[in-house]
Amino acid sequence: METITLELTIDETNTILTGLGQQPYIKVADLVHKIQEQGASQLATDIPENHTEKELENIISERDGK
């Protein structure tokens, strides 16, 4: 599978996640999880793996000062 690399601000990424959150969960769950994992790994190296999606959202929000 081909991939692309995007550079987005945290606010832009959260906007995308908010939009995805309005879609049926079954259709977007894997994509939301992938975005959250990649975002979390870029924002901090001290975040342990195996967080729930909500925990990752909170970590990203806290790092963004929200």
Protein backbone atom coordinates (compact mmCIF):
# COMPACT_ATOMS: atom_id res chain seq x y z
CA MET A 1 0.00 0.00 0.00
CA GLU A 2 1.32 3.43 -0.87
CA THR A 3 1.53 6.00 1.92
CA ILE A 4 1.81 9.77 2.10
CA THR A 5 3.22 12.02 4.78
CA LEU A 6 1.26 15.06 5.95
CA GLU A 7 2.42 17.86 8.21
CA LEU A 8 -0.46 19.26 10.24
CA THR A 9 -0.73 21.39 13.35
CA ILE A 10 -2.21 19.79 16.44
CA ASP A 11 -5.34 21.92 15.97
CA GLU A 12 -5.69 20.74 12.37
CA THR A 13 -5.26 17.14 13.46
CA ASN A 14 -7.86 17.56 16.20
CA THR A 15 -10.25 19.07 13.64
CA ILE A 16 -9.83 15.99 11.47
CA LEU A 17 -10.37 13.71 14.47
CA THR A 18 -13.49 15.65 15.43
CA GLY A 19 -14.88 15.21 11.91
CA LEU A 20 -14.07 11.52 11.95
CA GLY A 21 -15.78 11.25 15.32
CA GLN A 22 -19.05 12.22 13.65
CA GLN A 23 -18.85 9.20 11.34
CA PRO A 24 -19.97 5.67 12.20
CA TYR A 25 -17.39 4.21 14.56
CA ILE A 26 -16.99 0.99 12.60
CA LYS A 27 -15.89 2.97 9.53
CA VAL A 28 -13.31 5.23 11.20
CA ALA A 29 -12.04 3.49 14.34
CA ASP A 30 -8.85 2.14 12.79
CA LEU A 31 -8.01 5.45 11.14
CA VAL A 32 -8.64 7.44 14.33
CA HIS A 33 -6.44 5.05 16.29
CA LYS A 34 -3.66 5.29 13.68
CA ILE A 35 -3.72 9.11 13.73
CA GLN A 36 -3.68 9.18 17.53
CA GLU A 37 -0.81 6.71 17.80
CA GLN A 38 1.33 8.57 15.29
CA GLY A 39 0.54 11.92 16.87
CA ALA A 40 1.32 10.71 20.37
CA SER A 41 4.61 9.17 19.27
CA GLN A 42 5.69 12.47 17.73
CA LEU A 43 4.69 14.59 20.71
CA ALA A 44 6.34 12.59 23.47
CA THR A 45 8.65 9.66 23.91
CA ASP A 46 7.47 8.98 27.45
CA ILE A 47 3.95 7.84 26.56
CA PRO A 48 3.58 4.11 27.15
CA GLU A 49 1.88 2.05 24.48
CA ASN A 50 -1.48 0.31 24.84
CA HIS A 51 -3.48 3.41 25.77
CA THR A 52 -7.15 3.53 24.96
CA GLU A 53 -8.26 5.94 22.26
CA LYS A 54 -9.72 8.28 24.91
CA GLU A 55 -6.44 8.26 26.85
CA LEU A 56 -4.53 9.18 23.69
CA GLU A 57 -6.99 11.99 22.96
CA ASN A 58 -6.44 13.32 26.49
CA ILE A 59 -2.66 13.09 26.16
CA ILE A 60 -2.70 14.99 22.86
CA SER A 61 -5.11 17.61 24.27
CA GLU A 62 -2.97 18.10 27.38
CA ARG A 63 0.18 18.53 25.30
CA ASP A 64 -1.71 21.09 23.18
CA GLY A 65 -2.75 22.99 26.31
CA LYS A 66 -6.48 22.32 25.98
